[in-house]
PDB file of all heavy atoms in Angstrom:
ATOM      1  N   ILE A   1     -69.653  43.258  98.992  1.00  0.00           N
ATOM      2  CA  ILE A   1     -68.822  42.160  99.515  1.00  0.00           C
ATOM      3  C   ILE A   1     -68.269  41.365  98.324  1.00  0.00           C
ATOM      4  O   ILE A   1     -68.958  41.133  97.325  1.00  0.00           O
ATOM      5  CB  ILE A   1     -69.602  41.242 100.467  1.00  0.00           C
ATOM      6  CG1 ILE A   1     -70.902  40.764  99.824  1.00  0.00           C
ATOM      7  CG2 ILE A   1     -69.906  41.978 101.759  1.00  0.00           C
ATOM      8  CD1 ILE A   1     -71.667  39.769 100.706  1.00  0.00           C
ATOM      9  N   PHE A   2     -67.009  40.971  98.458  1.00  0.00           N
ATOM     10  CA  PHE A   2     -66.370  40.268  97.348  1.00  0.00           C
ATOM     11  C   PHE A   2     -65.224  39.413  97.869  1.00  0.00           C
ATOM     12  O   PHE A   2     -64.679  39.642  98.965  1.00  0.00           O
ATOM     13  CB  PHE A   2     -65.825  41.244  96.308  1.00  0.00           C
ATOM     14  CG  PHE A   2     -64.798  42.215  96.860  1.00  0.00           C
ATOM     15  CD1 PHE A   2     -63.452  41.884  96.954  1.00  0.00           C
ATOM     16  CD2 PHE A   2     -65.198  43.464  97.322  1.00  0.00           C
ATOM     17  CE1 PHE A   2     -62.526  42.758  97.456  1.00  0.00           C
ATOM     18  CE2 PHE A   2     -64.287  44.361  97.861  1.00  0.00           C
ATOM     19  CZ  PHE A   2     -62.940  43.998  97.930  1.00  0.00           C
ATOM     20  N   ILE A   3     -64.860  38.428  97.064  1.00  0.00           N
ATOM     21  CA  ILE A   3     -63.650  37.609  97.289  1.00  0.00           C
ATOM     22  C   ILE A   3     -62.988  37.442  95.925  1.00  0.00           C
ATOM     23  O   ILE A   3     -63.640  37.024  94.962  1.00  0.00           O
ATOM     24  CB  ILE A   3     -64.012  36.228  97.877  1.00  0.00           C
ATOM     25  CG1 ILE A   3     -64.649  36.368  99.262  1.00  0.00           C
ATOM     26  CG2 ILE A   3     -62.757  35.368  97.967  1.00  0.00           C
ATOM     27  CD1 ILE A   3     -65.101  35.046  99.854  1.00  0.00           C
ATOM     28  N   ARG A   4     -61.688  37.762  95.868  1.00  0.00           N
ATOM     29  CA  ARG A   4     -60.952  37.643  94.633  1.00  0.00           C
ATOM     30  C   ARG A   4     -59.734  36.743  94.861  1.00  0.00           C
ATOM     31  O   ARG A   4     -58.939  36.988  95.768  1.00  0.00           O
ATOM     32  CB  ARG A   4     -60.487  39.015  94.122  1.00  0.00           C
ATOM     33  CG  ARG A   4     -61.613  40.037  93.935  1.00  0.00           C
ATOM     34  CD  ARG A   4     -61.123  41.270  93.242  1.00  0.00           C
ATOM     35  NE  ARG A   4     -62.099  42.356  93.259  1.00  0.00           N
ATOM     36  CZ  ARG A   4     -62.020  43.436  94.009  1.00  0.00           C
ATOM     37  NH1 ARG A   4     -60.950  43.600  94.802  1.00  0.00           N
ATOM     38  NH2 ARG A   4     -62.926  44.354  93.974  1.00  0.00           N
ATOM     39  N   LEU A   5     -59.633  35.728  94.026  1.00  0.00           N
ATOM     40  CA  LEU A   5     -58.498  34.797  94.099  1.00  0.00           C
ATOM     41  C   LEU A   5     -57.625  34.907  92.851  1.00  0.00           C
ATOM     42  O   LEU A   5     -58.161  35.068  91.738  1.00  0.00           O
ATOM     43  CB  LEU A   5     -59.005  33.362  94.231  1.00  0.00           C
ATOM     44  CG  LEU A   5     -59.698  32.985  95.546  1.00  0.00           C
ATOM     45  CD1 LEU A   5     -60.365  31.623  95.406  1.00  0.00           C
ATOM     46  CD2 LEU A   5     -58.713  32.963  96.697  1.00  0.00           C
ATOM     47  N   SER A   6     -56.321  34.881  93.050  1.00  0.00           N
ATOM     48  CA  SER A   6     -55.409  34.942  91.912  1.00  0.00           C
ATOM     49  C   SER A   6     -54.141  34.188  92.250  1.00  0.00           C
ATOM     50  O   SER A   6     -53.868  33.895  93.431  1.00  0.00           O
ATOM     51  CB  SER A   6     -55.086  36.405  91.545  1.00  0.00           C
ATOM     52  OG  SER A   6     -54.457  37.053  92.630  1.00  0.00           O
ATOM     53  N   SER A   7     -53.370  33.873  91.250  1.00  0.00           N
ATOM     54  CA  SER A   7     -52.083  33.185  91.465  1.00  0.00           C
ATOM     55  C   SER A   7     -51.147  33.483  90.301  1.00  0.00           C
ATOM     56  O   SER A   7     -51.606  33.835  89.204  1.00  0.00           O
ATOM     57  CB  SER A   7     -52.298  31.672  91.609  1.00  0.00           C
ATOM     58  OG  SER A   7     -52.830  31.153  90.383  1.00  0.00           O
ATOM     59  N   TYR A   8     -49.890  33.345  90.553  1.00  0.00           N
ATOM     60  CA  TYR A   8     -48.888  33.516  89.484  1.00  0.00           C
ATOM     61  C   TYR A   8     -47.570  32.854  89.917  1.00  0.00           C
ATOM     62  O   TYR A   8     -47.337  32.647  91.136  1.00  0.00           O
ATOM     63  CB  TYR A   8     -48.660  34.994  89.178  1.00  0.00           C
ATOM     64  CG  TYR A   8     -48.100  35.816  90.314  1.00  0.00           C
ATOM     65  CD1 TYR A   8     -46.727  36.005  90.473  1.00  0.00           C
ATOM     66  CD2 TYR A   8     -48.966  36.391  91.254  1.00  0.00           C
ATOM     67  CE1 TYR A   8     -46.220  36.759  91.518  1.00  0.00           C
ATOM     68  CE2 TYR A   8     -48.459  37.143  92.300  1.00  0.00           C
ATOM     69  CZ  TYR A   8     -47.095  37.331  92.453  1.00  0.00           C
ATOM     70  OH  TYR A   8     -46.589  38.070  93.484  1.00  0.00           O
ATOM     71  N   ALA A   9     -46.784  32.496  88.951  1.00  0.00           N
ATOM     72  CA  ALA A   9     -45.491  31.866  89.183  1.00  0.00           C
ATOM     73  C   ALA A   9     -44.368  32.843  88.814  1.00  0.00           C
ATOM     74  O   ALA A   9     -44.492  33.602  87.840  1.00  0.00           O
ATOM     75  CB  ALA A   9     -45.350  30.585  88.385  1.00  0.00           C
ATOM     76  N   LYS A  10     -43.320  32.806  89.598  1.00  0.00           N
ATOM     77  CA  LYS A  10     -42.144  33.624  89.338  1.00  0.00           C
ATOM     78  C   LYS A  10     -40.910  32.794  89.636  1.00  0.00           C
ATOM     79  O   LYS A  10     -40.547  32.598  90.791  1.00  0.00           O
ATOM     80  CB  LYS A  10     -42.180  34.884  90.187  1.00  0.00           C
ATOM     81  CG  LYS A  10     -41.126  35.923  89.819  1.00  0.00           C
ATOM     82  CD  LYS A  10     -41.303  37.199  90.613  1.00  0.00           C
ATOM     83  CE  LYS A  10     -40.278  38.246  90.201  1.00  0.00           C
ATOM     84  NZ  LYS A  10     -40.433  39.504  90.964  1.00  0.00           N
ATOM     85  N   GLY A  11     -40.290  32.299  88.578  1.00  0.00           N
ATOM     86  CA  GLY A  11     -39.164  31.398  88.772  1.00  0.00           C
ATOM     87  C   GLY A  11     -39.649  30.088  89.381  1.00  0.00           C
ATOM     88  O   GLY A  11     -40.600  29.453  88.914  1.00  0.00           O
ATOM     89  N   LYS A  12     -39.000  29.702  90.475  1.00  0.00           N
ATOM     90  CA  LYS A  12     -39.406  28.494  91.170  1.00  0.00           C
ATOM     91  C   LYS A  12     -40.438  28.735  92.253  1.00  0.00           C
ATOM     92  O   LYS A  12     -40.856  27.808  92.952  1.00  0.00           O
ATOM     93  CB  LYS A  12     -38.178  27.821  91.804  1.00  0.00           C
ATOM     94  CG  LYS A  12     -37.199  27.246  90.798  1.00  0.00           C
ATOM     95  CD  LYS A  12     -36.083  26.496  91.514  1.00  0.00           C
ATOM     96  CE  LYS A  12     -35.138  25.849  90.494  1.00  0.00           C
ATOM     97  NZ  LYS A  12     -34.066  25.093  91.189  1.00  0.00           N
ATOM     98  N   MET A  13     -40.861  29.988  92.386  1.00  0.00           N
ATOM     99  CA  MET A  13     -41.822  30.327  93.418  1.00  0.00           C
ATOM    100  C   MET A  13     -43.223  30.441  92.837  1.00  0.00           C
ATOM    101  O   MET A  13     -43.416  30.900  91.710  1.00  0.00           O
ATOM    102  CB  MET A  13     -41.433  31.665  94.082  1.00  0.00           C
ATOM    103  CG  MET A  13     -40.004  31.699  94.640  1.00  0.00           C
ATOM    104  SD  MET A  13     -39.648  30.328  95.789  1.00  0.00           S
ATOM    105  CE  MET A  13     -40.815  30.688  97.102  1.00  0.00           C
ATOM    106  N   PHE A  14     -44.183  29.985  93.629  1.00  0.00           N
ATOM    107  CA  PHE A  14     -45.587  30.064  93.241  1.00  0.00           C
ATOM    108  C   PHE A  14     -46.321  30.880  94.292  1.00  0.00           C
ATOM    109  O   PHE A  14     -46.177  30.655  95.491  1.00  0.00           O
ATOM    110  CB  PHE A  14     -46.181  28.659  93.152  1.00  0.00           C
ATOM    111  CG  PHE A  14     -47.615  28.614  92.747  1.00  0.00           C
ATOM    112  CD1 PHE A  14     -47.998  28.985  91.466  1.00  0.00           C
ATOM    113  CD2 PHE A  14     -48.601  28.239  93.657  1.00  0.00           C
ATOM    114  CE1 PHE A  14     -49.343  28.971  91.092  1.00  0.00           C
ATOM    115  CE2 PHE A  14     -49.932  28.220  93.280  1.00  0.00           C
ATOM    116  CZ  PHE A  14     -50.315  28.582  91.994  1.00  0.00           C
ATOM    117  N   PHE A  15     -47.116  31.838  93.835  1.00  0.00           N
ATOM    118  CA  PHE A  15     -47.772  32.782  94.749  1.00  0.00           C
ATOM    119  C   PHE A  15     -49.298  32.651  94.646  1.00  0.00           C
ATOM    120  O   PHE A  15     -49.858  32.594  93.545  1.00  0.00           O
ATOM    121  CB  PHE A  15     -47.401  34.232  94.403  1.00  0.00           C
ATOM    122  CG  PHE A  15     -45.933  34.520  94.602  1.00  0.00           C
ATOM    123  CD1 PHE A  15     -45.017  34.249  93.599  1.00  0.00           C
ATOM    124  CD2 PHE A  15     -45.471  35.074  95.782  1.00  0.00           C
ATOM    125  CE1 PHE A  15     -43.670  34.508  93.790  1.00  0.00           C
ATOM    126  CE2 PHE A  15     -44.147  35.376  95.957  1.00  0.00           C
ATOM    127  CZ  PHE A  15     -43.225  35.081  94.961  1.00  0.00           C
ATOM    128  N   LEU A  16     -49.947  32.559  95.806  1.00  0.00           N
ATOM    129  CA  LEU A  16     -51.399  32.578  95.893  1.00  0.00           C
ATOM    130  C   LEU A  16     -51.812  33.856  96.596  1.00  0.00           C
ATOM    131  O   LEU A  16     -51.212  34.219  97.630  1.00  0.00           O
ATOM    132  CB  LEU A  16     -51.918  31.377  96.696  1.00  0.00           C
ATOM    133  CG  LEU A  16     -51.809  30.002  96.026  1.00  0.00           C
ATOM    134  CD1 LEU A  16     -52.064  28.910  97.054  1.00  0.00           C
ATOM    135  CD2 LEU A  16     -52.763  29.884  94.880  1.00  0.00           C
ATOM    136  N   GLU A  17     -52.808  34.525  96.089  1.00  0.00           N
ATOM    137  CA  GLU A  17     -53.250  35.790  96.684  1.00  0.00           C
ATOM    138  C   GLU A  17     -54.762  35.839  96.747  1.00  0.00           C
ATOM    139  O   GLU A  17     -55.452  35.402  95.801  1.00  0.00           O
ATOM    140  CB  GLU A  17     -52.712  36.968  95.877  1.00  0.00           C
ATOM    141  CG  GLU A  17     -52.956  38.327  96.544  1.00  0.00           C
ATOM    142  CD  GLU A  17     -52.248  39.458  95.826  1.00  0.00           C
ATOM    143  OE1 GLU A  17     -51.021  39.610  95.985  1.00  0.00           O
ATOM    144  OE2 GLU A  17     -52.940  40.179  95.084  1.00  0.00           O
ATOM    145  N   MET A  18     -55.283  36.325  97.861  1.00  0.00           N
ATOM    146  CA  MET A  18     -56.707  36.455  98.018  1.00  0.00           C
ATOM    147  C   MET A  18     -57.050  37.813  98.619  1.00  0.00           C
ATOM    148  O   MET A  18     -56.412  38.236  99.595  1.00  0.00           O
ATOM    149  CB  MET A  18     -57.263  35.362  98.936  1.00  0.00           C
ATOM    150  CG  MET A  18     -58.790  35.334  98.994  1.00  0.00           C
ATOM    151  SD  MET A  18     -59.402  34.241 100.263  1.00  0.00           S
ATOM    152  CE  MET A  18     -58.950  35.163 101.719  1.00  0.00           C
ATOM    153  N   GLU A  19     -58.015  38.499  98.046  1.00  0.00           N
ATOM    154  CA  GLU A  19     -58.532  39.761  98.567  1.00  0.00           C
ATOM    155  C   GLU A  19     -59.980  39.561  98.957  1.00  0.00           C
ATOM    156  O   GLU A  19     -60.733  38.897  98.240  1.00  0.00           O
ATOM    157  CB  GLU A  19     -58.416  40.865  97.520  1.00  0.00           C
ATOM    158  CG  GLU A  19     -56.992  41.234  97.144  1.00  0.00           C
ATOM    159  CD  GLU A  19     -56.955  42.333  96.085  1.00  0.00           C
ATOM    160  OE1 GLU A  19     -58.016  42.561  95.441  1.00  0.00           O
ATOM    161  OE2 GLU A  19     -55.911  42.959  95.921  1.00  0.00           O
ATOM    162  N   ASN A  20     -60.373  40.137 100.066  1.00  0.00           N
ATOM    163  CA  ASN A  20     -61.772  40.073 100.468  1.00  0.00           C
ATOM    164  C   ASN A  20     -62.166  41.344 101.219  1.00  0.00           C
ATOM    165  O   ASN A  20     -61.321  41.987 101.845  1.00  0.00           O
ATOM    166  CB  ASN A  20     -62.073  38.846 101.318  1.00  0.00           C
ATOM    167  CG  ASN A  20     -61.366  38.880 102.667  1.00  0.00           C
ATOM    168  OD1 ASN A  20     -60.223  38.445 102.765  1.00  0.00           O
ATOM    169  ND2 ASN A  20     -62.027  39.382 103.687  1.00  0.00           N
ATOM    170  N   SER A  21     -63.414  41.679 101.129  1.00  0.00           N
ATOM    171  CA  SER A  21     -63.924  42.841 101.883  1.00  0.00           C
ATOM    172  C   SER A  21     -64.141  42.441 103.317  1.00  0.00           C
ATOM    173  O   SER A  21     -64.423  41.284 103.626  1.00  0.00           O
ATOM    174  CB  SER A  21     -65.237  43.321 101.233  1.00  0.00           C
ATOM    175  OG  SER A  21     -66.156  42.248 101.121  1.00  0.00           O
ATOM    176  N   PHE A  22     -64.006  43.411 104.215  1.00  0.00           N
ATOM    177  CA  PHE A  22     -64.284  43.178 105.632  1.00  0.00           C
ATOM    178  C   PHE A  22     -64.624  44.521 106.277  1.00  0.00           C
ATOM    179  O   PHE A  22     -64.625  45.575 105.612  1.00  0.00           O
ATOM    180  CB  PHE A  22     -63.108  42.507 106.328  1.00  0.00           C
ATOM    181  CG  PHE A  22     -61.948  43.386 106.659  1.00  0.00           C
ATOM    182  CD1 PHE A  22     -61.570  43.616 107.971  1.00  0.00           C
ATOM    183  CD2 PHE A  22     -61.226  44.015 105.655  1.00  0.00           C
ATOM    184  CE1 PHE A  22     -60.497  44.437 108.276  1.00  0.00           C
ATOM    185  CE2 PHE A  22     -60.165  44.854 105.952  1.00  0.00           C
ATOM    186  CZ  PHE A  22     -59.795  45.051 107.269  1.00  0.00           C
ATOM    187  N   ASP A  23     -64.965  44.496 107.564  1.00  0.00           N
ATOM    188  CA  ASP A  23     -65.479  45.731 108.192  1.00  0.00           C
ATOM    189  C   ASP A  23     -64.385  46.736 108.559  1.00  0.00           C
ATOM    190  O   ASP A  23     -64.684  47.779 109.148  1.00  0.00           O
ATOM    191  CB  ASP A  23     -66.287  45.363 109.449  1.00  0.00           C
ATOM    192  CG  ASP A  23     -65.485  44.584 110.468  1.00  0.00           C
ATOM    193  OD1 ASP A  23     -64.255  44.404 110.244  1.00  0.00           O
ATOM    194  OD2 ASP A  23     -66.053  44.165 111.475  1.00  0.00           O
ATOM    195  N   GLY A  24     -63.127  46.420 108.300  1.00  0.00           N
ATOM    196  CA  GLY A  24     -62.038  47.349 108.591  1.00  0.00           C
ATOM    197  C   GLY A  24     -61.533  47.314 109.997  1.00  0.00           C
ATOM    198  O   GLY A  24     -60.587  48.031 110.338  1.00  0.00           O
ATOM    199  N   LYS A  25     -62.131  46.469 110.840  1.00  0.00           N
ATOM    200  CA  LYS A  25     -61.713  46.382 112.248  1.00  0.00           C
ATOM    201  C   LYS A  25     -60.779  45.187 112.433  1.00  0.00           C
ATOM    202  O   LYS A  25     -61.181  44.069 112.123  1.00  0.00           O
ATOM    203  CB  LYS A  25     -62.916  46.254 113.167  1.00  0.00           C
ATOM    204  CG  LYS A  25     -63.915  47.412 113.034  1.00  0.00           C
ATOM    205  CD  LYS A  25     -65.175  47.124 113.821  1.00  0.00           C
ATOM    206  CE  LYS A  25     -66.244  48.201 113.598  1.00  0.00           C
ATOM    207  NZ  LYS A  25     -67.499  47.885 114.288  1.00  0.00           N
ATOM    208  N   VAL A  26     -59.588  45.443 112.917  1.00  0.00           N
ATOM    209  CA  VAL A  26     -58.602  44.383 113.090  1.00  0.00           C
ATOM    210  C   VAL A  26     -58.108  44.424 114.535  1.00  0.00           C
ATOM    211  O   VAL A  26     -57.690  45.463 115.039  1.00  0.00           O
ATOM    212  CB  VAL A  26     -57.412  44.540 112.143  1.00  0.00           C
ATOM    213  CG1 VAL A  26     -56.355  43.485 112.427  1.00  0.00           C
ATOM    214  CG2 VAL A  26     -57.874  44.420 110.701  1.00  0.00           C
ATOM    215  N   MET A  27     -58.169  43.278 115.192  1.00  0.00           N
ATOM    216  CA  MET A  27     -57.617  43.159 116.533  1.00  0.00           C
ATOM    217  C   MET A  27     -56.249  42.487 116.412  1.00  0.00           C
ATOM    218  O   MET A  27     -56.117  41.374 115.894  1.00  0.00           O
ATOM    219  CB  MET A  27     -58.520  42.314 117.430  1.00  0.00           C
ATOM    220  CG  MET A  27     -59.858  42.971 117.754  1.00  0.00           C
ATOM    221  SD  MET A  27     -60.889  41.868 118.776  1.00  0.00           S
ATOM    222  CE  MET A  27     -59.790  41.651 120.201  1.00  0.00           C
ATOM    223  N   ARG A  28     -55.235  43.200 116.844  1.00  0.00           N
ATOM    224  CA  ARG A  28     -53.876  42.627 116.770  1.00  0.00           C
ATOM    225  C   ARG A  28     -53.119  42.966 118.042  1.00  0.00           C
ATOM    226  O   ARG A  28     -52.962  44.132 118.388  1.00  0.00           O
ATOM    227  CB  ARG A  28     -53.137  43.166 115.561  1.00  0.00           C
ATOM    228  CG  ARG A  28     -51.782  42.494 115.367  1.00  0.00           C
ATOM    229  CD  ARG A  28     -51.042  42.993 114.159  1.00  0.00           C
ATOM    230  NE  ARG A  28     -49.795  42.282 113.973  1.00  0.00           N
ATOM    231  CZ  ARG A  28     -48.909  42.547 113.035  1.00  0.00           C
ATOM    232  NH1 ARG A  28     -49.162  43.504 112.169  1.00  0.00           N
ATOM    233  NH2 ARG A  28     -47.791  41.860 112.924  1.00  0.00           N
TER     234      ARG A  28
END
């Protein structure tokens, strides 16, 4: 199990990104 946080800027835009482990089951 893990959580990874990262961010970066591109021009005037700022991006936040997060990755995490899960059981692979998604209800949509």
